[in-house]
Amino acid sequence: TGIAKPTDKAILVVFCPDLNLGIYTTGSAGRSLLTETLAVANFTGKLVETWIGFISADGRNVATSLYTGQLTVS
């Protein structure tokens, strides 16, 4: 909200506590696309923690990330 723009890029983070391993995007999909994919096959069958954040197209503004919950990767 506030200064959000359709050109902002999504940052996705997935962390697997069992493997002590995380993966993330660095702002590939634009906010206006309303979708993004992150390859998590290495975490199949594992419980992971997830977050989302956004960064402006010029990289000057970064939103506080939002915890989006736990899930088991299938």
PDB file of N, CA and C in Angstrom:
ATOM      1  N   THR A   1       0.839  -1.187   0.000  1.00  0.00           N
ATOM      2  CA  THR A   1       0.000   0.000   0.000  1.00  0.00           C
ATOM      3  C   THR A   1       0.876   1.240   0.000  1.00  0.00           C
ATOM      4  N   GLY A   2       0.318   2.384  -0.080  1.00  0.00           N
ATOM      5  CA  GLY A   2       1.106   3.612  -0.053  1.00  0.00           C
ATOM      6  C   GLY A   2       1.800   3.872  -1.367  1.00  0.00           C
ATOM      7  N   ILE A   3       3.049   3.423  -1.476  1.00  0.00           N
ATOM      8  CA  ILE A   3       3.833   3.684  -2.682  1.00  0.00           C
ATOM      9  C   ILE A   3       3.941   2.460  -3.595  1.00  0.00           C
ATOM     10  N   ALA A   4       3.131   1.428  -3.349  1.00  0.00           N
ATOM     11  CA  ALA A   4       3.162   0.216  -4.184  1.00  0.00           C
ATOM     12  C   ALA A   4       2.827   0.567  -5.626  1.00  0.00           C
ATOM     13  N   LYS A   5       3.540  -0.088  -6.557  1.00  0.00           N
ATOM     14  CA  LYS A   5       3.324   0.129  -7.991  1.00  0.00           C
ATOM     15  C   LYS A   5       3.242  -1.212  -8.708  1.00  0.00           C
ATOM     16  N   PRO A   6       2.542  -1.268  -9.834  1.00  0.00           N
ATOM     17  CA  PRO A   6       2.444  -2.518 -10.597  1.00  0.00           C
ATOM     18  C   PRO A   6       3.804  -3.034 -11.065  1.00  0.00           C
ATOM     19  N   THR A   7       4.791  -2.160 -11.165  1.00  0.00           N
ATOM     20  CA  THR A   7       6.121  -2.559 -11.635  1.00  0.00           C
ATOM     21  C   THR A   7       7.016  -3.103 -10.526  1.00  0.00           C
ATOM     22  N   ASP A   8       6.561  -3.048  -9.266  1.00  0.00           N
ATOM     23  CA  ASP A   8       7.343  -3.623  -8.165  1.00  0.00           C
ATOM     24  C   ASP A   8       7.585  -5.095  -8.436  1.00  0.00           C
ATOM     25  N   LYS A   9       8.710  -5.608  -7.974  1.00  0.00           N
ATOM     26  CA  LYS A   9       9.076  -7.009  -8.175  1.00  0.00           C
ATOM     27  C   LYS A   9       8.881  -7.796  -6.883  1.00  0.00           C
ATOM     28  N   ALA A  10       8.332  -9.013  -7.020  1.00  0.00           N
ATOM     29  CA  ALA A  10       8.122  -9.888  -5.869  1.00  0.00           C
ATOM     30  C   ALA A  10       9.435 -10.550  -5.458  1.00  0.00           C
ATOM     31  N   ILE A  11       9.616 -10.678  -4.149  1.00  0.00           N
ATOM     32  CA  ILE A  11      10.738 -11.437  -3.575  1.00  0.00           C
ATOM     33  C   ILE A  11      10.111 -12.564  -2.772  1.00  0.00           C
ATOM     34  N   LEU A  12      10.374 -13.800  -3.159  1.00  0.00           N
ATOM     35  CA  LEU A  12       9.854 -14.966  -2.454  1.00  0.00           C
ATOM     36  C   LEU A  12      10.983 -15.637  -1.693  1.00  0.00           C
ATOM     37  N   VAL A  13      10.691 -16.093  -0.476  1.00  0.00           N
ATOM     38  CA  VAL A  13      11.690 -16.786   0.345  1.00  0.00           C
ATOM     39  C   VAL A  13      11.066 -18.063   0.884  1.00  0.00           C
ATOM     40  N   VAL A  14      11.797 -19.165   0.779  1.00  0.00           N
ATOM     41  CA  VAL A  14      11.386 -20.447   1.343  1.00  0.00           C
ATOM     42  C   VAL A  14      12.560 -20.985   2.147  1.00  0.00           C
ATOM     43  N   PHE A  15      12.293 -21.360   3.416  1.00  0.00           N
ATOM     44  CA  PHE A  15      13.337 -21.912   4.291  1.00  0.00           C
ATOM     45  C   PHE A  15      12.882 -23.257   4.826  1.00  0.00           C
ATOM     46  N   CYS A  16      13.761 -24.251   4.726  1.00  0.00           N
ATOM     47  CA  CYS A  16      13.493 -25.592   5.230  1.00  0.00           C
ATOM     48  C   CYS A  16      14.331 -25.812   6.491  1.00  0.00           C
ATOM     49  N   PRO A  17      13.701 -25.793   7.673  1.00  0.00           N
ATOM     50  CA  PRO A  17      14.460 -25.992   8.913  1.00  0.00           C
ATOM     51  C   PRO A  17      15.175 -27.340   8.986  1.00  0.00           C
ATOM     52  N   ASP A  18      14.539 -28.405   8.477  1.00  0.00           N
ATOM     53  CA  ASP A  18      15.165 -29.734   8.536  1.00  0.00           C
ATOM     54  C   ASP A  18      16.493 -29.779   7.800  1.00  0.00           C
ATOM     55  N   LEU A  19      16.586 -29.062   6.708  1.00  0.00           N
ATOM     56  CA  LEU A  19      17.807 -29.050   5.901  1.00  0.00           C
ATOM     57  C   LEU A  19      18.678 -27.829   6.186  1.00  0.00           C
ATOM     58  N   ASN A  20      18.164 -26.910   7.013  1.00  0.00           N
ATOM     59  CA  ASN A  20      18.846 -25.642   7.284  1.00  0.00           C
ATOM     60  C   ASN A  20      19.259 -24.969   5.972  1.00  0.00           C
ATOM     61  N   LEU A  21      18.281 -24.921   5.055  1.00  0.00           N
ATOM     62  CA  LEU A  21      18.551 -24.413   3.712  1.00  0.00           C
ATOM     63  C   LEU A  21      17.392 -23.531   3.263  1.00  0.00           C
ATOM     64  N   GLY A  22      17.727 -22.435   2.633  1.00  0.00           N
ATOM     65  CA  GLY A  22      16.716 -21.535   2.110  1.00  0.00           C
ATOM     66  C   GLY A  22      16.989 -21.205   0.661  1.00  0.00           C
ATOM     67  N   ILE A  23      15.920 -20.844  -0.057  1.00  0.00           N
ATOM     68  CA  ILE A  23      16.056 -20.355  -1.425  1.00  0.00           C
ATOM     69  C   ILE A  23      15.172 -19.132  -1.570  1.00  0.00           C
ATOM     70  N   TYR A  24      15.492 -18.303  -2.546  1.00  0.00           N
ATOM     71  CA  TYR A  24      14.730 -17.072  -2.719  1.00  0.00           C
ATOM     72  C   TYR A  24      14.854 -16.556  -4.140  1.00  0.00           C
ATOM     73  N   THR A  25      13.907 -15.705  -4.511  1.00  0.00           N
ATOM     74  CA  THR A  25      14.007 -14.970  -5.763  1.00  0.00           C
ATOM     75  C   THR A  25      14.558 -13.595  -5.420  1.00  0.00           C
ATOM     76  N   THR A  26      15.047 -12.919  -6.398  1.00  0.00           N
ATOM     77  CA  THR A  26      15.564 -11.564  -6.162  1.00  0.00           C
ATOM     78  C   THR A  26      14.752 -10.532  -6.931  1.00  0.00           C
ATOM     79  N   GLY A  27      13.465 -10.771  -6.981  1.00  0.00           N
ATOM     80  CA  GLY A  27      12.599  -9.788  -7.613  1.00  0.00           C
ATOM     81  C   GLY A  27      12.422 -10.010  -9.097  1.00  0.00           C
ATOM     82  N   SER A  28      11.933 -11.172  -9.461  1.00  0.00           N
ATOM     83  CA  SER A  28      11.800 -11.467 -10.887  1.00  0.00           C
ATOM     84  C   SER A  28      10.420 -11.128 -11.453  1.00  0.00           C
ATOM     85  N   ALA A  29       9.339 -11.454 -10.750  1.00  0.00           N
ATOM     86  CA  ALA A  29       7.988 -11.216 -11.287  1.00  0.00           C
ATOM     87  C   ALA A  29       7.454  -9.868 -10.835  1.00  0.00           C
ATOM     88  N   GLY A  30       6.844  -9.154 -11.753  1.00  0.00           N
ATOM     89  CA  GLY A  30       6.225  -7.883 -11.417  1.00  0.00           C
ATOM     90  C   GLY A  30       4.948  -8.075 -10.610  1.00  0.00           C
ATOM     91  N   ARG A  31       4.669  -7.149  -9.710  1.00  0.00           N
ATOM     92  CA  ARG A  31       3.466  -7.212  -8.873  1.00  0.00           C
ATOM     93  C   ARG A  31       2.202  -7.385  -9.719  1.00  0.00           C
ATOM     94  N   SER A  32       2.153  -6.734 -10.862  1.00  0.00           N
ATOM     95  CA  SER A  32       0.947  -6.775 -11.697  1.00  0.00           C
ATOM     96  C   SER A  32       0.673  -8.160 -12.281  1.00  0.00           C
ATOM     97  N   LEU A  33       1.654  -9.058 -12.311  1.00  0.00           N
ATOM     98  CA  LEU A  33       1.439 -10.408 -12.830  1.00  0.00           C
ATOM     99  C   LEU A  33       0.600 -11.260 -11.878  1.00  0.00           C
ATOM    100  N   LEU A  34       0.630 -10.936 -10.593  1.00  0.00           N
ATOM    101  CA  LEU A  34      -0.141 -11.636  -9.562  1.00  0.00           C
ATOM    102  C   LEU A  34       0.234 -13.102  -9.398  1.00  0.00           C
ATOM    103  N   THR A  35       1.380 -13.521  -9.933  1.00  0.00           N
ATOM    104  CA  THR A  35       1.825 -14.901  -9.786  1.00  0.00           C
ATOM    105  C   THR A  35       3.341 -14.971  -9.915  1.00  0.00           C
ATOM    106  N   GLU A  36       3.931 -15.979  -9.280  1.00  0.00           N
ATOM    107  CA  GLU A  36       5.371 -16.226  -9.372  1.00  0.00           C
ATOM    108  C   GLU A  36       5.604 -17.679  -9.006  1.00  0.00           C
ATOM    109  N   THR A  37       6.655 -18.255  -9.509  1.00  0.00           N
ATOM    110  CA  THR A  37       6.998 -19.645  -9.242  1.00  0.00           C
ATOM    111  C   THR A  37       8.409 -19.713  -8.669  1.00  0.00           C
ATOM    112  N   LEU A  38       8.580 -20.583  -7.695  1.00  0.00           N
ATOM    113  CA  LEU A  38       9.897 -20.809  -7.094  1.00  0.00           C
ATOM    114  C   LEU A  38      10.116 -22.313  -7.069  1.00  0.00           C
ATOM    115  N   ALA A  39      11.199 -22.788  -7.654  1.00  0.00           N
ATOM    116  CA  ALA A  39      11.479 -24.225  -7.728  1.00  0.00           C
ATOM    117  C   ALA A  39      11.898 -24.740  -6.346  1.00  0.00           C
ATOM    118  N   VAL A  40      11.072 -25.614  -5.772  1.00  0.00           N
ATOM    119  CA  VAL A  40      11.328 -26.121  -4.420  1.00  0.00           C
ATOM    120  C   VAL A  40      11.399 -27.648  -4.377  1.00  0.00           C
ATOM    121  N   ALA A  41      11.683 -28.285  -5.505  1.00  0.00           N
ATOM    122  CA  ALA A  41      11.721 -29.749  -5.574  1.00  0.00           C
ATOM    123  C   ALA A  41      12.687 -30.359  -4.563  1.00  0.00           C
ATOM    124  N   ASN A  42      13.752 -29.649  -4.208  1.00  0.00           N
ATOM    125  CA  ASN A  42      14.713 -30.161  -3.225  1.00  0.00           C
ATOM    126  C   ASN A  42      14.105 -30.304  -1.846  1.00  0.00           C
ATOM    127  N   PHE A  43      12.947 -29.686  -1.631  1.00  0.00           N
ATOM    128  CA  PHE A  43      12.287 -29.726  -0.324  1.00  0.00           C
ATOM    129  C   PHE A  43      11.084 -30.671  -0.308  1.00  0.00           C
ATOM    130  N   THR A  44      10.933 -31.523  -1.306  1.00  0.00           N
ATOM    131  CA  THR A  44       9.788 -32.420  -1.387  1.00  0.00           C
ATOM    132  C   THR A  44       9.645 -33.238  -0.105  1.00  0.00           C
ATOM    133  N   GLY A  45       8.414 -33.219   0.453  1.00  0.00           N
ATOM    134  CA  GLY A  45       8.128 -33.957   1.680  1.00  0.00           C
ATOM    135  C   GLY A  45       8.520 -33.234   2.955  1.00  0.00           C
ATOM    136  N   LYS A  46       9.126 -32.077   2.827  1.00  0.00           N
ATOM    137  CA  LYS A  46       9.611 -31.324   3.993  1.00  0.00           C
ATOM    138  C   LYS A  46       8.691 -30.150   4.308  1.00  0.00           C
ATOM    139  N   LEU A  47       8.634 -29.810   5.582  1.00  0.00           N
ATOM    140  CA  LEU A  47       7.927 -28.618   6.034  1.00  0.00           C
ATOM    141  C   LEU A  47       8.819 -27.411   5.774  1.00  0.00           C
ATOM    142  N   VAL A  48       8.258 -26.361   5.190  1.00  0.00           N
ATOM    143  CA  VAL A  48       9.018 -25.144   4.918  1.00  0.00           C
ATOM    144  C   VAL A  48       8.276 -23.930   5.473  1.00  0.00           C
ATOM    145  N   GLU A  49       9.026 -22.866   5.713  1.00  0.00           N
ATOM    146  CA  GLU A  49       8.497 -21.567   6.124  1.00  0.00           C
ATOM    147  C   GLU A  49       8.588 -20.654   4.908  1.00  0.00           C
ATOM    148  N   THR A  50       7.602 -19.760   4.727  1.00  0.00           N
ATOM    149  CA  THR A  50       7.581 -18.917   3.532  1.00  0.00           C
ATOM    150  C   THR A  50       7.366 -17.440   3.862  1.00  0.00           C
ATOM    151  N   TRP A  51       7.936 -16.571   3.020  1.00  0.00           N
ATOM    152  CA  TRP A  51       7.791 -15.124   3.142  1.00  0.00           C
ATOM    153  C   TRP A  51       7.645 -14.512   1.751  1.00  0.00           C
ATOM    154  N   ILE A  52       7.064 -13.323   1.701  1.00  0.00           N
ATOM    155  CA  ILE A  52       7.010 -12.550   0.466  1.00  0.00           C
ATOM    156  C   ILE A  52       7.369 -11.100   0.788  1.00  0.00           C
ATOM    157  N   GLY A  53       8.025 -10.466  -0.138  1.00  0.00           N
ATOM    158  CA  GLY A  53       8.349  -9.044  -0.032  1.00  0.00           C
ATOM    159  C   GLY A  53       8.314  -8.441  -1.422  1.00  0.00           C
ATOM    160  N   PHE A  54       8.490  -7.149  -1.493  1.00  0.00           N
ATOM    161  CA  PHE A  54       8.502  -6.476  -2.794  1.00  0.00           C
ATOM    162  C   PHE A  54       9.609  -5.440  -2.820  1.00  0.00           C
ATOM    163  N   ILE A  55      10.160  -5.231  -4.006  1.00  0.00           N
ATOM    164  CA  ILE A  55      11.182  -4.218  -4.227  1.00  0.00           C
ATOM    165  C   ILE A  55      10.770  -3.404  -5.448  1.00  0.00           C
ATOM    166  N   SER A  56      10.994  -2.105  -5.387  1.00  0.00           N
ATOM    167  CA  SER A  56      10.631  -1.252  -6.526  1.00  0.00           C
ATOM    168  C   SER A  56      11.494  -1.599  -7.736  1.00  0.00           C
ATOM    169  N   ALA A  57      10.997  -1.293  -8.905  1.00  0.00           N
ATOM    170  CA  ALA A  57      11.711  -1.607 -10.155  1.00  0.00           C
ATOM    171  C   ALA A  57      13.111  -1.000 -10.178  1.00  0.00           C
ATOM    172  N   ASP A  58      13.275   0.177  -9.555  1.00  0.00           N
ATOM    173  CA  ASP A  58      14.595   0.812  -9.540  1.00  0.00           C
ATOM    174  C   ASP A  58      15.452   0.372  -8.354  1.00  0.00           C
ATOM    175  N   GLY A  59      14.905  -0.494  -7.492  1.00  0.00           N
ATOM    176  CA  GLY A  59      15.655  -1.018  -6.352  1.00  0.00           C
ATOM    177  C   GLY A  59      15.799  -0.066  -5.180  1.00  0.00           C
ATOM    178  N   ARG A  60      15.167   1.072  -5.231  1.00  0.00           N
ATOM    179  CA  ARG A  60      15.324   2.075  -4.172  1.00  0.00           C
ATOM    180  C   ARG A  60      14.419   1.848  -2.972  1.00  0.00           C
ATOM    181  N   ASN A  61      13.285   1.194  -3.172  1.00  0.00           N
ATOM    182  CA  ASN A  61      12.345   0.963  -2.079  1.00  0.00           C
ATOM    183  C   ASN A  61      12.104  -0.530  -1.909  1.00  0.00           C
ATOM    184  N   VAL A  62      12.196  -0.975  -0.664  1.00  0.00           N
ATOM    185  CA  VAL A  62      11.964  -2.380  -0.346  1.00  0.00           C
ATOM    186  C   VAL A  62      10.919  -2.447   0.762  1.00  0.00           C
ATOM    187  N   ALA A  63       9.869  -3.222   0.519  1.00  0.00           N
ATOM    188  CA  ALA A  63       8.816  -3.379   1.518  1.00  0.00           C
ATOM    189  C   ALA A  63       9.265  -4.352   2.603  1.00  0.00           C
ATOM    190  N   THR A  64       8.749  -4.173   3.797  1.00  0.00           N
ATOM    191  CA  THR A  64       8.961  -5.145   4.859  1.00  0.00           C
ATOM    192  C   THR A  64       8.343  -6.461   4.412  1.00  0.00           C
ATOM    193  N   SER A  65       9.074  -7.553   4.589  1.00  0.00           N
ATOM    194  CA  SER A  65       8.546  -8.845   4.161  1.00  0.00           C
ATOM    195  C   SER A  65       7.378  -9.262   5.042  1.00  0.00           C
ATOM    196  N   LEU A  66       6.566 -10.153   4.511  1.00  0.00           N
ATOM    197  CA  LEU A  66       5.399 -10.659   5.206  1.00  0.00           C
ATOM    198  C   LEU A  66       5.526 -12.170   5.299  1.00  0.00           C
ATOM    199  N   TYR A  67       5.414 -12.706   6.521  1.00  0.00           N
ATOM    200  CA  TYR A  67       5.439 -14.152   6.706  1.00  0.00           C
ATOM    201  C   TYR A  67       4.157 -14.735   6.138  1.00  0.00           C
ATOM    202  N   THR A  68       4.288 -15.714   5.238  1.00  0.00           N
ATOM    203  CA  THR A  68       3.117 -16.288   4.575  1.00  0.00           C
ATOM    204  C   THR A  68       2.815 -17.713   5.010  1.00  0.00           C
ATOM    205  N   GLY A  69       3.496 -18.196   6.027  1.00  0.00           N
ATOM    206  CA  GLY A  69       3.138 -19.455   6.658  1.00  0.00           C
ATOM    207  C   GLY A  69       4.003 -20.655   6.338  1.00  0.00           C
ATOM    208  N   GLN A  70       3.558 -21.777   6.906  1.00  0.00           N
ATOM    209  CA  GLN A  70       4.236 -23.060   6.721  1.00  0.00           C
ATOM    210  C   GLN A  70       3.446 -23.899   5.734  1.00  0.00           C
ATOM    211  N   LEU A  71       4.172 -24.773   5.038  1.00  0.00           N
ATOM    212  CA  LEU A  71       3.524 -25.767   4.203  1.00  0.00           C
ATOM    213  C   LEU A  71       4.482 -26.919   3.989  1.00  0.00           C
ATOM    214  N   THR A  72       3.928 -28.057   3.636  1.00  0.00           N
ATOM    215  CA  THR A  72       4.750 -29.214   3.299  1.00  0.00           C
ATOM    216  C   THR A  72       4.800 -29.295   1.788  1.00  0.00           C
ATOM    217  N   VAL A  73       6.001 -29.325   1.242  1.00  0.00           N
ATOM    218  CA  VAL A  73       6.190 -29.357  -0.207  1.00  0.00           C
ATOM    219  C   VAL A  73       5.820 -30.750  -0.720  1.00  0.00           C
ATOM    220  N   SER A  74       4.976 -30.778  -1.742  1.00  0.00           N
ATOM    221  CA  SER A  74       4.570 -32.076  -2.315  1.00  0.00           C
ATOM    222  C   SER A  74       5.118 -32.244  -3.710  1.00  0.00           C
TER     223      SER A  74
END
